[in-house]
């Protein structure tokens, strides 16, 4: 999640600016797809809206897109079992496992905030969580569509079949990036209206969403 300018980054996000407790949850998805999720903190200093926004703009997550303040990285593992039927090779099973690494903003000085600032921060933090959870849902929907399509593939040799299925996965990742970008455009406009950024005093905002993608990976960017 970018402080409005969203998207792609790498697993390096779970280093440097990311600290604090990791939580892990396993989640079953549609047939052929399983997932697990790790969540880490992006620790944000500040006691006022201006201070919090300034910190995020000056100390964003280390992402390929500037000003990232939340992030999700899918890591894929594909297993294909094949069988020969009538001279053709068909999939016996296609299992796609995805580990999601999510980073979410966490205030380090919330006890020193005014009620108005705390409410604005909590609203933004909840927005960031919903944003990344929705992105995870998009990735899982793409994965389910991939496994369904993969199970319909056939080839004259099992080596060719496995290669076709792996190419299909790469194509599905690219198609999913397009969906993520469509979602990001809408979210960019919404986060600009979050109370935290309305209250903050800082140099102008970017009025438009700029399209960055080098997926699979998604980030939330801060408004300037």
Protein backbone atom coordinates (compact mmCIF):
# COMPACT_ATOMS: atom_id res chain seq x y z
CA UNK A 1 0.00 0.00 0.00
CA UNK A 2 1.37 3.32 -1.02
CA UNK A 3 0.76 6.57 0.69
CA UNK A 4 -1.12 7.76 -2.39
CA UNK A 5 1.17 6.00 -5.94
CA UNK A 6 0.60 2.15 -5.37
CA UNK A 7 2.29 -1.21 -6.03
CA UNK A 8 5.08 -3.61 -6.82
CA UNK A 9 7.92 -4.51 -4.44
CA UNK A 10 9.87 -7.54 -3.29
CA UNK A 11 10.30 -9.65 -0.23
CA UNK A 12 13.07 -7.30 0.91
CA UNK A 13 10.20 -5.45 2.56
CA UNK A 14 10.36 -7.88 5.42
CA UNK A 15 13.81 -6.57 6.32
CA UNK A 16 14.97 -3.02 7.15
CA UNK A 17 11.90 -0.89 7.94
CA UNK A 18 9.91 -3.98 8.89
CA UNK A 19 10.27 -5.05 12.48
CA UNK A 20 8.25 -6.71 15.21
CA UNK A 21 6.16 -9.81 15.73
CA UNK A 22 5.39 -12.08 12.86
CA UNK A 23 2.07 -13.90 12.92
CA UNK A 24 1.27 -16.89 10.74
CA UNK A 25 -2.13 -18.18 9.64
CA UNK A 26 -2.92 -21.05 7.26
CA UNK A 27 -5.99 -20.56 5.07
CA UNK A 28 -7.56 -23.18 2.80
CA UNK A 29 -8.67 -21.79 -0.56
CA UNK A 30 -10.53 -23.22 -3.57
CA UNK A 31 -9.75 -26.71 -4.87
CA UNK A 32 -6.10 -27.04 -5.80
CA UNK A 33 -5.11 -23.83 -3.99
CA UNK A 34 -3.81 -23.49 -0.44
CA UNK A 35 -2.34 -20.44 1.26
CA UNK A 36 -0.62 -19.21 4.38
CA UNK A 37 -0.02 -15.65 5.53
CA UNK A 38 2.69 -13.94 7.56
CA UNK A 39 2.06 -10.44 8.87
CA UNK A 40 4.83 -8.08 9.97
CA UNK A 41 4.81 -4.52 11.29
CA UNK A 42 5.98 -1.39 9.53
CA UNK A 43 6.68 0.72 12.62
CA UNK A 44 5.69 4.38 12.31
CA UNK A 45 6.85 7.09 14.76
CA UNK A 46 4.84 10.23 15.48
CA UNK A 47 2.15 11.64 17.77
CA UNK A 48 0.40 14.07 15.39
CA UNK A 49 -1.12 13.59 11.95
CA UNK A 50 1.63 15.75 10.45
CA UNK A 51 4.33 13.82 12.29
CA UNK A 52 2.95 10.42 11.29
CA UNK A 53 2.54 11.34 7.62
CA UNK A 54 5.96 13.00 7.58
CA UNK A 55 7.54 9.87 9.04
CA UNK A 56 5.92 7.62 6.44
CA UNK A 57 6.94 9.89 3.57
CA UNK A 58 10.53 10.14 4.81
CA UNK A 59 10.90 6.52 5.99
CA UNK A 60 8.74 4.41 3.64
CA UNK A 61 9.07 0.68 3.22
CA UNK A 62 12.04 -0.24 0.98
CA UNK A 63 10.00 -0.82 -2.17
CA UNK A 64 10.56 -0.38 -5.90
CA UNK A 65 7.71 2.15 -5.81
CA UNK A 66 8.34 5.14 -3.54
CA UNK A 67 6.25 5.98 -0.46
CA UNK A 68 5.02 2.44 0.27
CA UNK A 69 3.43 2.02 3.70
CA UNK A 70 1.81 -1.41 3.37
CA UNK A 71 2.58 -4.36 1.16
CA UNK A 72 1.68 -7.89 0.12
CA UNK A 73 4.04 -10.34 -1.60
CA UNK A 74 2.75 -13.68 -2.93
CA UNK A 75 5.28 -16.53 -3.13
CA UNK A 76 4.15 -19.45 -5.29
CA UNK A 77 4.85 -23.19 -5.18
CA UNK A 78 3.33 -25.36 -7.93
CA UNK A 79 3.01 -29.15 -7.91
CA UNK A 80 1.68 -31.00 -10.97
CA UNK A 81 0.88 -34.72 -11.14
CA UNK A 82 0.24 -36.20 -14.60
CA UNK A 83 -1.24 -39.33 -16.14
CA UNK A 84 -1.46 -40.81 -19.64
CA UNK A 85 -4.91 -41.50 -21.05
CA UNK A 86 -5.50 -42.67 -24.62
CA UNK A 87 -2.07 -41.57 -25.81
CA UNK A 88 -2.38 -38.11 -24.28
CA UNK A 89 -1.01 -36.71 -21.05
CA UNK A 90 -3.54 -35.13 -18.70
CA UNK A 91 -3.22 -33.52 -15.27
CA UNK A 92 -3.97 -35.84 -12.37
CA UNK A 93 -3.78 -32.93 -9.95
CA UNK A 94 -2.59 -29.33 -9.96
CA UNK A 95 -1.81 -27.92 -6.53
CA UNK A 96 -0.80 -24.30 -6.08
CA UNK A 97 0.45 -23.18 -2.68
CA UNK A 98 0.86 -19.46 -1.96
CA UNK A 99 2.63 -17.87 1.00
CA UNK A 100 1.63 -14.26 1.45
CA UNK A 101 4.03 -11.90 3.22
CA UNK A 102 2.05 -8.86 4.39
CA UNK A 103 3.46 -5.71 6.00
CA UNK A 104 1.06 -3.30 7.76
CA UNK A 105 1.65 0.09 9.42
CA UNK A 106 1.78 0.12 13.24
CA UNK A 107 2.10 3.30 15.33
CA UNK A 108 4.83 3.21 17.98
CA UNK A 109 3.50 6.15 20.06
CA UNK A 110 -0.26 5.75 19.95
CA UNK A 111 -0.53 6.27 23.72
CA UNK A 112 0.72 9.86 23.29
CA UNK A 113 -1.72 10.81 20.50
CA UNK A 114 -4.71 13.09 20.93
CA UNK A 115 -8.11 11.39 20.58
CA UNK A 116 -8.58 12.95 17.13
CA UNK A 117 -5.16 11.84 15.90
CA UNK A 118 -5.61 8.34 17.33
CA UNK A 119 -9.00 7.98 15.63
CA UNK A 120 -7.51 9.17 12.32
CA UNK A 121 -4.58 6.75 12.66
CA UNK A 122 -6.81 3.79 13.55
CA UNK A 123 -9.00 4.55 10.53
CA UNK A 124 -5.96 4.61 8.23
CA UNK A 125 -4.49 1.43 9.74
CA UNK A 126 -7.83 -0.36 9.26
CA UNK A 127 -7.95 0.91 5.67
CA UNK A 128 -4.45 -0.45 5.03
CA UNK A 129 -5.39 -3.86 6.47
CA UNK A 130 -8.57 -4.08 4.37
CA UNK A 131 -6.58 -3.02 1.33
CA UNK A 132 -4.00 -5.80 1.68
CA UNK A 133 -6.62 -8.40 2.61
CA UNK A 134 -8.59 -7.49 -0.52
CA UNK A 135 -5.43 -7.82 -2.59
CA UNK A 136 -4.89 -11.28 -1.08
CA UNK A 137 -8.43 -12.19 -2.12
CA UNK A 138 -7.71 -11.05 -5.68
CA UNK A 139 -4.56 -13.20 -5.79
CA UNK A 140 -6.50 -16.22 -4.51
CA UNK A 141 -9.26 -15.73 -7.08
CA UNK A 142 -6.64 -15.59 -9.83
CA UNK A 143 -5.04 -18.75 -8.43
CA UNK A 144 -8.35 -20.63 -8.40
CA UNK A 145 -8.98 -19.66 -12.02
CA UNK A 146 -5.48 -20.86 -12.92
CA UNK A 147 -5.91 -24.30 -11.32
CA UNK A 148 -9.28 -24.77 -13.04
CA UNK A 149 -7.75 -23.87 -16.42
CA UNK A 150 -4.68 -26.03 -15.76
CA UNK A 151 -6.81 -29.10 -15.10
CA UNK A 152 -8.27 -28.77 -18.61
CA UNK A 153 -4.89 -28.91 -20.36
CA UNK A 154 -3.74 -31.91 -22.41
CA UNK A 155 -0.55 -32.60 -24.39
CA UNK A 156 1.11 -35.42 -26.32
CA UNK A 157 3.83 -35.74 -23.68
CA UNK A 158 3.81 -35.17 -19.94
CA UNK A 159 6.91 -32.98 -20.17
CA UNK A 160 5.09 -30.73 -22.61
CA UNK A 161 2.01 -30.68 -20.39
CA UNK A 162 3.96 -29.60 -17.32
CA UNK A 163 5.71 -26.87 -19.35
CA UNK A 164 2.34 -25.65 -20.67
CA UNK A 165 0.89 -25.49 -17.16
CA UNK A 166 3.87 -23.51 -15.85
CA UNK A 167 3.54 -21.07 -18.75
CA UNK A 168 -0.15 -20.78 -17.95
CA UNK A 169 0.73 -19.84 -14.36
CA UNK A 170 3.05 -17.05 -15.53
CA UNK A 171 0.32 -15.75 -17.84
CA UNK A 172 -2.19 -15.82 -14.97
CA UNK A 173 0.22 -13.83 -12.78
CA UNK A 174 0.43 -11.13 -15.46
CA UNK A 175 -3.35 -11.03 -15.83
CA UNK A 176 -3.68 -10.77 -12.07
CA UNK A 177 -1.34 -7.76 -12.05
CA UNK A 178 -3.86 -5.98 -14.29
CA UNK A 179 -6.64 -6.66 -11.77
CA UNK A 180 -4.43 -5.41 -8.95
CA UNK A 181 -3.73 -2.19 -10.85
CA UNK A 182 -7.45 -1.62 -11.45
CA UNK A 183 -8.07 -2.05 -7.72
CA UNK A 184 -5.17 0.29 -6.89
CA UNK A 185 -6.57 3.13 -9.00
CA UNK A 186 -9.81 3.14 -7.00
CA UNK A 187 -8.04 2.78 -3.65
CA UNK A 188 -5.68 5.68 -4.41
CA UNK A 189 -8.61 8.06 -4.59
CA UNK A 190 -10.10 6.69 -1.36
CA UNK A 191 -6.95 6.90 0.74
CA UNK A 192 -6.52 10.56 -0.21
CA UNK A 193 -9.68 11.22 1.79
CA UNK A 194 -8.51 9.40 4.92
CA UNK A 195 -8.72 11.76 7.89
CA UNK A 196 -5.04 11.26 8.76
CA UNK A 197 -3.96 12.92 5.51
CA UNK A 198 -6.65 15.59 5.68
CA UNK A 199 -5.39 16.64 9.13
CA UNK A 200 -1.70 16.55 8.19
CA UNK A 201 0.18 19.62 7.01
CA UNK A 202 2.66 18.78 4.27
CA UNK A 203 3.62 19.81 0.74
CA UNK A 204 0.98 19.14 -1.97
CA UNK A 205 -0.59 15.87 -3.05
CA UNK A 206 -0.33 13.89 -6.23
CA UNK A 207 -3.79 14.18 -7.81
CA UNK A 208 -3.44 11.15 -10.08
CA UNK A 209 -2.53 7.52 -9.79
CA UNK A 210 0.68 6.50 -11.56
CA UNK A 211 0.76 2.93 -12.85
CA UNK A 212 3.65 0.84 -11.51
CA UNK A 213 3.80 -2.92 -11.89
CA UNK A 214 6.57 -5.47 -11.70
CA UNK A 215 4.46 -8.16 -10.07
CA UNK A 216 3.53 -10.30 -8.53
CA UNK A 217 3.60 -7.89 -5.59
CA UNK A 218 1.46 -5.00 -4.41
CA UNK A 219 2.03 -1.96 -2.25
CA UNK A 220 0.02 0.93 -0.83
CA UNK A 221 1.55 4.36 -1.37
CA UNK A 222 1.15 7.60 0.59
CA UNK A 223 -0.46 10.77 -0.79
CA UNK A 224 1.89 13.69 -1.32
